[in-house]
Amino acid sequence: MIRNSLLVFLLAFLYYASGTLSLSLLSGNSIINVGLFAAEGIALAFALYFGKKVLPGIFLGQFFLALGNEISFAVSLSIALINTAEAYLAVVLFKKFHLRVSLEKFRDIFGLVLLIFFVLQPLSALLSNTVLLMAHYISIEKFSLYLFSWWFGNVMGQLVFTPFLLLLFTNFQKIQWKEFFLCSGLFGAYVYILQIVFGIENSFLLLSLTLPVVALASAYKGLVYGTFFNVLVALIASYAVYLDIGAFTLNNHIDNVINYNLFILVHVSVILTIGMLVEEKKRYTKTLEETIAKEVKKSQEQQLFLYQQSRLAQMGEMISMIAHQWRQPLNNLALINQLTISKYTKGKLDDKAIEYFKSHSKKQIDLMSDTIDNFKNFFKQEDQVCAFSLKDAINEVLNITADIFKNEGIFIEFNAAQDYELFTNPNALNQVLLNILNNAKDALLQTTQNEKKIQITLEDTGTELLLAIQDNAGGIDEAIKDKIFDPYFSTKQEKNGTGLGLYMAKMVLQEQLHATIEVFNTHEGANFVIRLPKGKK
């Protein structure tokens, strides 16, 4: 309640003080002036931003302004009520047409201008001047002149002051005040020197010296700067007219008024247009960046989801491999156990038999434990990069898959003229190789090829290392060859293929190893070629 009361009295004071100053600086009727009337701009900004609760402040300010300029109590009351109703209408229409006081878009500022030009001021000018005419403060002969003067002066006041104050209110927390005051002070001093000290008499020269600065400020620093610079231009121009110096005092009264208002109007039009276009571009760029960031985040989440799915599939493969490698040791343990029981039942369980059981069972258990350790190290999730031997990394993959491929009748040949050292994530490379080998195994098992084989070669091109994995399974259908690296694309639906293996292999190569992968068909089968950045020999 106290805050609302303070707002009302602050607005009443600002309206009265700025209205008195406007009428004093520019010649005209005691309450009608064809020049910029700042009080209306301040009143409209407060009404649009704070709402209907500040309307009494407009009423009080206008009432005492009219009363102080020798207007009767009844007429002052009528004009105050009209101006208050004008502000109320502005609040209602602003909300009805969903215009924002932050003037975020071009439609907001354009809507504000249309409202000022064609609704608020025509209504205010017509009703107020009718009251003055009926009270004999103006004559019927000058009614049209005063009607235009009221309309134009109020329009100018609202075009200059309302956008600035609305932007000031909505961006109050964001403004760098030291910089704002410094820039505004320098610009104000610059305009003051041009108009008051030098008293430039050519309005076009004056415009060419001030307009570019205001335009640049609006474009590079924002509309808050541009609109406030407009306020400074208007105030200093009004002061120059009051002092009777400069470009707006050389000709007859009508020409001076026209030149003065055009000078301010050009600034307002250019700044609002340029400023809003720049703001629209900034806002579009920001929206685009936010959209891109959102899509990137969405893509990263999808990548993580796919990676987790791929890891689950790999865990299934790992369990299958462990089970396969454990089968023989378990069979051996069963035989050792059966042999021990047999000797016990026959009464032949001597120290020699116990020692045999101890040594041979331990050997099988150690073999199974080593298998677990090998797979645990192979499948552990590490993102650490380090220097490692490329030949050793390939052999590690071949060692843990050797029994499976051997039992399936698949022969793997690995040829490398020399070893190379890579500085990257070895675990990531292992996962990729395992994926490609498993795909080659599945393809070979679907063929009637008697001699199933996979050939791995390593070649140095001078700028990169080519790691090729080639099978003799007959190749990939050309119709689907370009799709095999797509997510969820699988030729093994009947075997519950996830369609993620090759996709994740490609992603890991690109994102973690900075490598690429391609597939070609040879006369024997598919040839997957990985291009690795070359490390040290």
Protein backbone atom coordinates (compact mmCIF):
# COMPACT_ATOMS: atom_id res chain seq x y z
CA MET A 1 0.00 0.00 0.00
CA ILE A 2 2.77 2.43 0.96
CA ARG A 3 4.72 1.48 -2.18
CA ASN A 4 1.67 2.15 -4.36
CA SER A 5 1.13 5.52 -2.72
CA LEU A 6 4.74 6.49 -3.29
CA LEU A 7 4.43 5.51 -6.95
CA VAL A 8 1.32 7.64 -7.31
CA PHE A 9 2.93 10.72 -5.76
CA LEU A 10 6.18 10.18 -7.70
CA LEU A 11 4.27 10.03 -10.97
CA ALA A 12 2.18 13.08 -10.02
CA PHE A 13 5.37 15.05 -9.30
CA LEU A 14 7.12 13.88 -12.48
CA TYR A 15 4.06 14.70 -14.59
CA TYR A 16 3.70 18.17 -13.11
CA ALA A 17 7.44 18.98 -13.23
CA SER A 18 8.08 17.65 -16.74
CA GLY A 19 4.87 19.22 -18.05
CA THR A 20 5.81 22.60 -16.59
CA LEU A 21 9.30 22.31 -18.07
CA SER A 22 7.98 21.36 -21.51
CA LEU A 23 5.55 24.29 -21.59
CA SER A 24 8.28 26.67 -20.39
CA LEU A 25 10.93 25.65 -22.91
CA LEU A 26 8.68 25.93 -25.98
CA SER A 27 6.30 28.74 -26.80
CA GLY A 28 2.58 28.13 -27.21
CA ASN A 29 -0.73 28.24 -25.41
CA SER A 30 -0.68 28.07 -21.61
CA ILE A 31 -1.46 24.34 -21.78
CA ILE A 32 -1.09 23.48 -25.49
CA ASN A 33 2.28 23.22 -27.20
CA VAL A 34 3.16 21.86 -30.62
CA GLY A 35 6.55 20.75 -29.32
CA LEU A 36 7.49 17.67 -27.35
CA PHE A 37 5.34 17.23 -24.21
CA ALA A 38 7.39 14.96 -21.93
CA ALA A 39 4.71 14.50 -19.24
CA GLU A 40 2.53 12.35 -21.51
CA GLY A 41 5.43 10.03 -22.35
CA ILE A 42 6.27 9.55 -18.67
CA ALA A 43 2.62 8.96 -17.75
CA LEU A 44 2.09 6.34 -20.47
CA ALA A 45 5.25 4.41 -19.51
CA PHE A 46 4.25 4.30 -15.83
CA ALA A 47 0.70 3.22 -16.67
CA LEU A 48 1.79 0.43 -19.04
CA TYR A 49 4.46 -0.93 -16.70
CA PHE A 50 2.85 -0.54 -13.26
CA GLY A 51 -0.78 -0.85 -14.33
CA LYS A 52 -3.98 0.88 -13.22
CA LYS A 53 -2.73 1.52 -9.68
CA VAL A 54 -0.74 4.58 -10.84
CA LEU A 55 -3.65 6.25 -12.67
CA PRO A 56 -4.34 8.62 -9.73
CA GLY A 57 -0.81 9.98 -10.19
CA ILE A 58 -1.63 10.95 -13.80
CA PHE A 59 -4.86 12.56 -12.64
CA LEU A 60 -3.17 14.61 -9.92
CA GLY A 61 -0.25 15.67 -12.11
CA GLN A 62 -2.46 16.82 -15.00
CA PHE A 63 -4.97 18.49 -12.68
CA PHE A 64 -2.39 20.63 -10.90
CA LEU A 65 -0.55 21.35 -14.15
CA ALA A 66 -3.71 22.73 -15.74
CA LEU A 67 -4.74 24.54 -12.56
CA GLY A 68 -1.28 26.10 -12.30
CA ASN A 69 -1.59 27.46 -15.82
CA GLU A 70 -4.71 29.51 -14.98
CA ILE A 71 -7.24 26.93 -16.11
CA SER A 72 -10.44 26.83 -14.03
CA PHE A 73 -11.05 24.10 -11.51
CA ALA A 74 -13.83 22.42 -13.52
CA VAL A 75 -11.87 22.47 -16.80
CA SER A 76 -8.69 21.27 -15.07
CA LEU A 77 -10.71 18.45 -13.53
CA SER A 78 -12.18 17.52 -16.93
CA ILE A 79 -8.80 17.48 -18.69
CA ALA A 80 -7.27 15.43 -15.86
CA LEU A 81 -10.10 12.89 -16.14
CA ILE A 82 -9.64 12.68 -19.93
CA ASN A 83 -5.89 12.07 -19.65
CA THR A 84 -6.47 9.46 -16.94
CA ALA A 85 -9.04 7.71 -19.13
CA GLU A 86 -6.51 7.79 -22.00
CA ALA A 87 -3.93 5.98 -19.84
CA TYR A 88 -6.54 3.47 -18.68
CA LEU A 89 -7.46 2.74 -22.31
CA ALA A 90 -3.78 2.24 -23.14
CA VAL A 91 -3.41 -0.38 -20.36
CA VAL A 92 -6.51 -2.26 -21.54
CA LEU A 93 -5.57 -2.25 -25.24
CA PHE A 94 -1.97 -3.22 -24.54
CA LYS A 95 -3.15 -6.35 -22.75
CA LYS A 96 -5.90 -7.06 -25.29
CA PHE A 97 -3.45 -7.15 -28.18
CA HIS A 98 -0.85 -9.10 -26.12
CA LEU A 99 1.82 -6.44 -26.44
CA ARG A 100 4.76 -6.67 -24.05
CA VAL A 101 6.09 -3.75 -22.06
CA SER A 102 9.61 -5.14 -22.51
CA LEU A 103 9.24 -4.28 -26.23
CA GLU A 104 10.90 -7.59 -27.09
CA LYS A 105 9.64 -7.82 -30.64
CA PHE A 106 9.02 -5.48 -33.53
CA ARG A 107 5.26 -5.95 -33.16
CA ASP A 108 5.44 -4.61 -29.60
CA ILE A 109 7.06 -1.31 -30.57
CA PHE A 110 4.98 -1.08 -33.75
CA GLY A 111 1.80 -1.69 -31.75
CA LEU A 112 2.82 1.00 -29.25
CA VAL A 113 3.40 3.53 -32.04
CA LEU A 114 0.05 2.76 -33.70
CA LEU A 115 -1.70 3.06 -30.35
CA ILE A 116 -0.12 6.46 -29.70
CA PHE A 117 -0.73 7.87 -33.18
CA PHE A 118 -4.22 6.64 -33.96
CA VAL A 119 -6.01 5.89 -30.68
CA LEU A 120 -4.70 7.59 -27.56
CA GLN A 121 -3.77 11.04 -28.79
CA PRO A 122 -6.61 11.56 -31.28
CA LEU A 123 -9.03 10.76 -28.44
CA SER A 124 -7.19 12.91 -25.88
CA ALA A 125 -6.71 15.85 -28.26
CA LEU A 126 -10.31 15.88 -29.45
CA LEU A 127 -11.93 15.61 -26.03
CA SER A 128 -9.56 18.01 -24.23
CA ASN A 129 -9.71 20.69 -26.91
CA THR A 130 -13.50 20.38 -27.03
CA VAL A 131 -13.57 21.08 -23.28
CA LEU A 132 -11.25 24.09 -23.76
CA LEU A 133 -13.38 25.35 -26.65
CA MET A 134 -16.61 25.08 -24.65
CA ALA A 135 -14.93 26.89 -21.75
CA HIS A 136 -13.76 29.64 -24.17
CA TYR A 137 -10.04 29.05 -23.59
CA ILE A 138 -9.56 28.64 -27.34
CA SER A 139 -11.50 30.03 -30.29
CA ILE A 140 -13.27 28.06 -32.97
CA GLU A 141 -10.95 29.60 -35.59
CA LYS A 142 -7.89 28.07 -33.91
CA PHE A 143 -9.55 24.83 -32.87
CA SER A 144 -7.95 22.76 -35.65
CA LEU A 145 -4.51 24.27 -34.98
CA TYR A 146 -4.72 23.55 -31.26
CA LEU A 147 -6.15 20.12 -31.98
CA PHE A 148 -3.12 19.27 -34.12
CA SER A 149 -0.70 20.88 -31.65
CA TRP A 150 -2.09 18.87 -28.73
CA TRP A 151 -2.02 15.65 -30.75
CA PHE A 152 1.47 16.20 -32.14
CA GLY A 153 3.09 17.43 -28.91
CA ASN A 154 1.74 14.49 -26.93
CA VAL A 155 2.69 12.03 -29.69
CA MET A 156 6.26 13.35 -29.68
CA GLY A 157 6.46 13.15 -25.89
CA GLN A 158 5.27 9.56 -25.86
CA LEU A 159 7.48 8.46 -28.77
CA VAL A 160 10.57 9.86 -27.06
CA PHE A 161 9.98 9.05 -23.39
CA THR A 162 7.70 5.97 -23.27
CA PRO A 163 9.99 3.45 -25.06
CA PHE A 164 13.00 4.58 -23.01
CA LEU A 165 11.23 4.29 -19.66
CA LEU A 166 9.68 0.91 -20.50
CA LEU A 167 13.08 -0.45 -21.53
CA LEU A 168 14.64 1.11 -18.44
CA PHE A 169 12.09 -0.53 -16.13
CA THR A 170 12.32 -3.98 -17.73
CA ASN A 171 16.13 -4.02 -18.02
CA PHE A 172 16.94 -2.27 -14.76
CA GLN A 173 18.85 -5.24 -13.29
CA LYS A 174 20.83 -5.88 -16.49
CA ILE A 175 22.13 -2.37 -17.14
CA GLN A 176 25.81 -1.72 -16.43
CA TRP A 177 25.16 1.59 -14.75
CA LYS A 178 28.72 2.97 -14.70
CA GLU A 179 29.09 2.37 -18.41
CA PHE A 180 25.57 3.68 -19.08
CA PHE A 181 26.17 6.97 -17.25
CA LEU A 182 29.60 7.39 -18.82
CA CYS A 183 28.33 6.89 -22.38
CA SER A 184 25.25 9.03 -21.77
CA GLY A 185 27.32 11.81 -20.20
CA LEU A 186 29.78 11.85 -23.10
CA PHE A 187 26.99 11.89 -25.67
CA GLY A 188 25.05 14.59 -23.79
CA ALA A 189 28.18 16.74 -23.66
CA TYR A 190 28.77 16.13 -27.37
CA VAL A 191 25.24 17.26 -28.34
CA TYR A 192 25.39 20.19 -25.93
CA ILE A 193 28.61 21.44 -27.53
CA LEU A 194 27.13 21.10 -31.02
CA GLN A 195 23.85 22.88 -30.27
CA ILE A 196 24.59 25.26 -27.39
CA VAL A 197 28.33 26.01 -27.53
CA PHE A 198 28.85 25.99 -31.29
CA GLY A 199 25.22 26.80 -32.03
CA ILE A 200 25.20 24.95 -35.37
CA GLU A 201 22.60 26.63 -37.53
CA ASN A 202 22.26 24.04 -40.31
CA SER A 203 19.74 21.41 -39.19
CA PHE A 204 20.94 18.86 -41.77
CA LEU A 205 24.52 19.22 -40.58
CA LEU A 206 23.37 18.86 -36.98
CA LEU A 207 21.37 15.76 -37.90
CA SER A 208 24.33 14.19 -39.70
CA LEU A 209 26.50 14.70 -36.61
CA THR A 210 24.05 13.29 -34.05
CA LEU A 211 21.99 10.62 -35.82
CA PRO A 212 24.87 8.21 -36.68
CA VAL A 213 26.07 8.24 -33.06
CA VAL A 214 22.61 7.44 -31.74
CA ALA A 215 22.13 4.74 -34.40
CA LEU A 216 25.46 3.09 -33.55
CA ALA A 217 24.71 3.20 -29.83
CA SER A 218 21.35 1.56 -30.44
CA ALA A 219 22.84 -1.10 -32.73
CA TYR A 220 25.83 -2.05 -30.59
CA LYS A 221 24.75 -1.24 -27.04
CA GLY A 222 21.01 -1.87 -27.24
CA LEU A 223 17.76 0.05 -27.34
CA VAL A 224 18.10 1.32 -23.78
CA TYR A 225 21.11 3.38 -24.90
CA GLY A 226 19.52 4.44 -28.20
CA THR A 227 16.24 5.60 -26.68
CA PHE A 228 17.96 7.49 -23.86
CA PHE A 229 20.22 9.21 -26.38
CA ASN A 230 16.99 10.27 -28.11
CA VAL A 231 15.79 11.77 -24.84
CA LEU A 232 19.05 13.73 -24.54
CA VAL A 233 18.79 14.96 -28.13
CA ALA A 234 15.21 16.15 -27.53
CA LEU A 235 15.96 17.86 -24.21
CA ILE A 236 19.03 19.70 -25.50
CA ALA A 237 17.19 20.73 -28.67
CA SER A 238 14.35 22.11 -26.53
CA TYR A 239 16.87 24.01 -24.40
CA ALA A 240 18.47 25.47 -27.53
CA VAL A 241 15.03 26.73 -28.64
CA TYR A 242 14.50 28.23 -25.21
CA LEU A 243 17.87 30.03 -25.45
CA ASP A 244 16.96 31.15 -28.98
CA ILE A 245 20.15 29.81 -30.56
CA GLY A 246 21.00 27.24 -33.21
CA ALA A 247 19.21 25.66 -36.13
CA PHE A 248 15.65 26.00 -34.80
CA THR A 249 15.56 29.77 -34.29
CA LEU A 250 16.64 31.18 -37.68
CA ASN A 251 13.42 31.19 -39.68
CA ASN A 252 9.82 32.07 -39.01
CA HIS A 253 7.97 30.45 -36.15
CA ILE A 254 6.28 27.77 -38.27
CA ASP A 255 9.53 26.71 -39.96
CA ASN A 256 11.33 26.60 -36.64
CA VAL A 257 8.64 24.38 -35.13
CA ILE A 258 8.68 22.07 -38.15
CA ASN A 259 12.49 21.79 -38.18
CA TYR A 260 12.63 21.17 -34.44
CA ASN A 261 10.02 18.41 -34.50
CA LEU A 262 11.39 16.78 -37.67
CA PHE A 263 14.86 16.74 -36.10
CA ILE A 264 13.54 14.81 -33.10
CA LEU A 265 11.14 12.67 -35.14
CA VAL A 266 13.89 11.49 -37.49
CA HIS A 267 15.96 10.37 -34.51
CA VAL A 268 13.00 8.55 -33.00
CA SER A 269 12.00 6.83 -36.26
CA VAL A 270 15.50 5.72 -37.20
CA ILE A 271 16.44 4.52 -33.72
CA LEU A 272 13.25 2.59 -33.09
CA THR A 273 13.47 0.96 -36.52
CA ILE A 274 17.18 0.13 -36.47
CA GLY A 275 17.15 -0.74 -32.81
CA MET A 276 14.24 -3.14 -33.08
CA LEU A 277 15.71 -4.81 -36.17
CA VAL A 278 18.97 -5.32 -34.32
CA GLU A 279 17.14 -6.57 -31.24
CA GLU A 280 15.13 -8.96 -33.40
CA LYS A 281 18.33 -10.29 -34.94
CA LYS A 282 19.94 -10.73 -31.52
CA ARG A 283 16.83 -12.44 -30.21
CA TYR A 284 16.65 -14.70 -33.26
CA THR A 285 20.33 -15.59 -32.84
CA LYS A 286 19.82 -16.29 -29.14
CA THR A 287 16.75 -18.43 -29.87
CA LEU A 288 18.68 -20.29 -32.54
CA GLU A 289 21.59 -20.89 -30.16
CA GLU A 290 19.22 -22.10 -27.46
CA THR A 291 17.50 -24.42 -29.96
CA ILE A 292 20.85 -25.78 -31.12
CA ALA A 293 22.00 -26.27 -27.52
CA LYS A 294 18.74 -28.04 -26.73
CA GLU A 295 19.08 -30.31 -29.75
CA VAL A 296 22.74 -31.00 -28.92
CA LYS A 297 21.76 -31.94 -25.37
CA LYS A 298 18.97 -34.11 -26.71
CA SER A 299 21.41 -35.75 -29.11
CA GLN A 300 23.91 -36.32 -26.30
CA GLU A 301 21.22 -37.91 -24.16
CA GLN A 302 20.24 -40.11 -27.09
CA GLN A 303 23.90 -41.02 -27.60
CA LEU A 304 24.19 -41.94 -23.93
CA PHE A 305 21.05 -44.05 -24.18
CA LEU A 306 22.40 -45.82 -27.25
CA TYR A 307 25.76 -46.30 -25.57
CA GLN A 308 24.09 -47.85 -22.54
CA GLN A 309 22.10 -50.16 -24.79
CA SER A 310 25.27 -51.10 -26.61
CA ARG A 311 27.03 -51.75 -23.31
CA LEU A 312 24.19 -54.05 -22.24
CA ALA A 313 24.53 -55.95 -25.50
CA GLN A 314 28.29 -56.18 -24.95
CA MET A 315 27.73 -57.42 -21.40
CA GLY A 316 25.57 -60.18 -22.86
CA GLU A 317 28.33 -61.04 -25.27
CA MET A 318 30.84 -61.01 -22.43
CA ILE A 319 28.76 -63.44 -20.38
CA SER A 320 28.43 -65.67 -23.45
CA MET A 321 32.21 -65.58 -23.99
CA ILE A 322 32.94 -66.30 -20.32
CA ALA A 323 30.50 -69.22 -20.38
CA HIS A 324 32.15 -70.51 -23.53
CA GLN A 325 35.66 -70.23 -22.09
CA TRP A 326 34.57 -71.79 -18.80
CA ARG A 327 32.97 -74.80 -20.45
CA GLN A 328 36.21 -76.78 -20.84
CA PRO A 329 37.62 -76.00 -17.34
CA LEU A 330 34.25 -76.92 -15.83
CA ASN A 331 34.24 -80.21 -17.73
CA ASN A 332 37.76 -80.86 -16.49
CA LEU A 333 36.76 -80.06 -12.91
CA ALA A 334 33.79 -82.45 -13.24
CA LEU A 335 36.12 -85.22 -14.46
CA ILE A 336 38.65 -84.57 -11.63
CA ASN A 337 35.81 -84.58 -9.11
CA GLN A 338 34.37 -87.81 -10.54
CA LEU A 339 37.79 -89.44 -10.53
CA THR A 340 38.32 -88.48 -6.87
CA ILE A 341 34.90 -89.85 -5.85
CA SER A 342 35.56 -93.07 -7.75
CA LYS A 343 38.88 -93.60 -5.97
CA TYR A 344 37.22 -92.86 -2.64
CA THR A 345 34.49 -95.47 -3.19
CA LYS A 346 37.11 -98.04 -4.19
CA GLY A 347 39.24 -97.24 -1.17
CA LYS A 348 42.11 -96.01 -3.32
CA LEU A 349 42.05 -92.34 -2.19
CA ASP A 350 45.67 -92.02 -1.13
CA ASP A 351 48.01 -89.03 -0.80
CA LYS A 352 48.94 -89.25 -4.47
CA ALA A 353 45.27 -89.01 -5.51
CA ILE A 354 44.70 -86.05 -3.19
CA GLU A 355 47.77 -84.27 -4.55
CA TYR A 356 46.53 -84.88 -8.09
CA PHE A 357 43.11 -83.47 -7.16
CA LYS A 358 44.69 -80.45 -5.49
CA SER A 359 47.06 -79.49 -8.31
CA HIS A 360 44.75 -80.19 -11.25
CA SER A 361 41.65 -78.60 -9.73
CA LYS A 362 43.66 -75.50 -8.77
CA LYS A 363 44.94 -75.29 -12.33
CA GLN A 364 41.41 -75.28 -13.74
CA ILE A 365 40.17 -72.80 -11.13
CA ASP A 366 43.11 -70.46 -11.85
CA LEU A 367 42.31 -70.71 -15.55
CA MET A 368 38.71 -69.69 -14.88
CA SER A 369 39.86 -66.85 -12.59
CA ASP A 370 42.28 -65.60 -15.24
CA THR A 371 39.43 -65.64 -17.74
CA ILE A 372 37.33 -63.44 -15.46
CA ASP A 373 40.24 -61.02 -14.94
CA ASN A 374 40.92 -60.80 -18.67
CA PHE A 375 37.31 -60.01 -19.47
CA LYS A 376 37.01 -57.59 -16.54
CA ASN A 377 40.01 -55.60 -17.77
CA PHE A 378 38.84 -55.77 -21.34
CA PHE A 379 35.33 -54.50 -20.67
CA LYS A 380 36.05 -51.96 -17.94
CA GLN A 381 34.85 -48.45 -18.75
CA GLU A 382 37.84 -46.17 -18.80
CA ASP A 383 38.12 -42.87 -20.60
CA GLN A 384 41.82 -42.45 -19.85
CA VAL A 385 44.11 -41.92 -22.77
CA CYS A 386 47.59 -43.36 -22.71
CA ALA A 387 50.37 -44.60 -24.97
CA PHE A 388 49.94 -48.26 -25.97
CA SER A 389 51.05 -50.75 -28.58
CA LEU A 390 48.57 -51.16 -31.40
CA LYS A 391 49.78 -54.69 -32.07
CA ASP A 392 49.31 -55.65 -28.41
CA ALA A 393 45.80 -54.18 -28.35
CA ILE A 394 44.78 -56.25 -31.39
CA ASN A 395 46.35 -59.41 -29.95
CA GLU A 396 44.46 -58.87 -26.68
CA VAL A 397 41.15 -58.93 -28.58
CA LEU A 398 42.22 -62.01 -30.52
CA ASN A 399 43.27 -63.82 -27.35
CA ILE A 400 39.93 -63.50 -25.59
CA THR A 401 37.99 -64.51 -28.72
CA ALA A 402 40.36 -67.24 -29.91
CA ASP A 403 38.48 -70.23 -28.48
CA ILE A 404 35.08 -69.04 -29.72
CA PHE A 405 36.26 -68.42 -33.26
CA LYS A 406 38.25 -71.70 -33.25
CA ASN A 407 35.20 -73.70 -32.17
CA GLU A 408 33.16 -72.09 -34.93
CA GLY A 409 35.79 -73.09 -37.48
CA ILE A 410 36.86 -69.52 -38.19
CA PHE A 411 40.56 -68.83 -38.77
CA ILE A 412 41.89 -65.34 -37.96
CA GLU A 413 45.09 -64.13 -39.54
CA PHE A 414 46.81 -60.98 -38.28
CA ASN A 415 49.64 -59.42 -40.30
CA ALA A 416 51.56 -56.33 -39.24
CA ALA A 417 54.99 -55.49 -40.63
CA GLN A 418 55.83 -53.45 -37.56
CA ASP A 419 54.29 -52.15 -34.38
CA TYR A 420 52.94 -48.64 -33.79
CA GLU A 421 52.34 -46.67 -30.65
CA LEU A 422 49.05 -44.80 -30.29
CA PHE A 423 48.16 -42.21 -27.69
CA THR A 424 44.43 -42.60 -27.15
CA ASN A 425 41.92 -44.77 -25.28
CA PRO A 426 42.94 -48.44 -25.77
CA ASN A 427 39.72 -49.75 -24.25
CA ALA A 428 37.66 -47.87 -26.82
CA LEU A 429 39.68 -49.38 -29.66
CA ASN A 430 39.24 -52.88 -28.18
CA GLN A 431 35.46 -52.43 -28.12
CA VAL A 432 35.42 -51.39 -31.78
CA LEU A 433 37.56 -54.35 -32.89
CA LEU A 434 35.43 -56.80 -30.91
CA ASN A 435 32.27 -55.38 -32.48
CA ILE A 436 33.59 -55.74 -36.03
CA LEU A 437 34.94 -59.27 -35.39
CA ASN A 438 31.59 -60.38 -33.95
CA ASN A 439 29.78 -59.03 -37.01
CA ALA A 440 32.24 -60.86 -39.27
CA LYS A 441 31.71 -64.07 -37.25
CA ASP A 442 27.91 -63.81 -37.60
CA ALA A 443 28.22 -63.22 -41.34
CA LEU A 444 30.57 -66.20 -41.76
CA LEU A 445 28.27 -68.52 -39.80
CA GLN A 446 25.49 -67.78 -42.27
CA THR A 447 27.57 -68.94 -45.23
CA THR A 448 28.34 -72.43 -46.54
CA GLN A 449 31.98 -71.42 -46.98
CA ASN A 450 34.21 -74.38 -46.07
CA GLU A 451 37.21 -72.25 -45.17
CA LYS A 452 35.94 -69.41 -43.02
CA LYS A 453 38.58 -66.78 -42.37
CA ILE A 454 39.15 -63.23 -41.19
CA GLN A 455 42.26 -61.31 -42.16
CA ILE A 456 43.51 -58.33 -40.16
CA THR A 457 46.16 -56.09 -41.70
CA LEU A 458 47.90 -52.95 -40.56
CA GLU A 459 49.31 -50.49 -43.09
CA ASP A 460 51.18 -47.20 -42.74
CA THR A 461 50.30 -44.62 -45.41
CA GLY A 462 52.67 -42.01 -44.05
CA THR A 463 49.95 -39.74 -42.69
CA GLU A 464 47.68 -42.32 -41.04
CA LEU A 465 47.38 -45.98 -40.10
CA LEU A 466 44.95 -48.22 -41.96
CA LEU A 467 43.59 -51.09 -39.90
CA ALA A 468 41.62 -53.44 -42.17
CA ILE A 469 39.39 -56.35 -41.05
CA GLN A 470 38.35 -58.45 -44.04
CA ASP A 471 36.23 -61.63 -44.14
CA ASN A 472 35.28 -64.06 -46.89
CA ALA A 473 31.55 -64.14 -46.11
CA GLY A 474 30.55 -62.83 -49.55
CA GLY A 475 30.21 -59.14 -48.76
CA ILE A 476 27.35 -56.80 -47.85
CA ASP A 477 24.31 -56.25 -50.04
CA GLU A 478 24.89 -52.99 -51.94
CA ALA A 479 21.30 -51.95 -51.21
CA ILE A 480 22.01 -51.78 -47.47
CA LYS A 481 25.75 -51.10 -47.39
CA ASP A 482 25.24 -47.36 -46.77
CA LYS A 483 22.89 -48.06 -43.83
CA ILE A 484 24.91 -50.48 -41.73
CA PHE A 485 26.33 -47.67 -39.54
CA ASP A 486 22.86 -46.23 -38.84
CA PRO A 487 21.42 -46.69 -35.34
CA TYR A 488 18.96 -49.57 -34.95
CA PHE A 489 19.68 -50.90 -38.42
CA SER A 490 20.31 -54.63 -38.16
CA THR A 491 20.31 -57.60 -40.51
CA LYS A 492 19.98 -59.95 -37.52
CA GLN A 493 16.46 -59.24 -36.24
CA GLU A 494 15.76 -62.97 -36.08
CA LYS A 495 18.74 -63.25 -33.74
CA ASN A 496 17.71 -60.27 -31.60
CA GLY A 497 20.23 -57.93 -33.14
CA THR A 498 20.10 -54.44 -31.63
CA GLY A 499 21.44 -52.57 -34.65
CA LEU A 500 23.75 -50.59 -32.37
CA GLY A 501 27.07 -52.40 -32.67
CA LEU A 502 28.44 -50.79 -35.82
CA TYR A 503 26.76 -47.47 -35.06
CA MET A 504 28.46 -47.27 -31.67
CA ALA A 505 31.73 -48.42 -33.22
CA LYS A 506 31.56 -45.50 -35.62
CA MET A 507 30.64 -43.03 -32.85
CA VAL A 508 33.47 -44.25 -30.59
CA LEU A 509 35.97 -43.97 -33.42
CA GLN A 510 34.88 -40.43 -34.30
CA GLU A 511 34.43 -38.98 -30.83
CA GLN A 512 37.06 -40.77 -28.74
CA LEU A 513 39.73 -41.88 -31.21
CA HIS A 514 39.30 -39.12 -33.84
CA ALA A 515 39.29 -41.86 -36.44
CA THR A 516 36.96 -42.90 -39.27
CA ILE A 517 35.61 -46.21 -40.53
CA GLU A 518 34.56 -47.32 -44.02
CA VAL A 519 33.36 -50.59 -45.50
CA PHE A 520 34.09 -51.97 -48.96
CA ASN A 521 33.09 -55.14 -50.73
CA THR A 522 35.93 -57.23 -52.15
CA HIS A 523 35.69 -60.34 -54.35
CA GLU A 524 35.67 -62.44 -51.14
CA GLY A 525 33.66 -60.44 -48.65
CA ALA A 526 33.40 -57.27 -46.57
CA ASN A 527 36.43 -55.17 -45.73
CA PHE A 528 36.13 -52.74 -42.81
CA VAL A 529 38.88 -50.11 -42.91
CA ILE A 530 39.64 -47.96 -39.85
CA ARG A 531 41.73 -44.83 -40.46
CA LEU A 532 43.65 -43.98 -37.30
CA PRO A 533 45.65 -40.78 -36.73
CA LYS A 534 49.28 -41.78 -36.82
CA GLY A 535 51.20 -41.86 -33.54
CA LYS A 536 54.85 -42.52 -32.79
CA LYS A 537 56.63 -45.63 -34.04
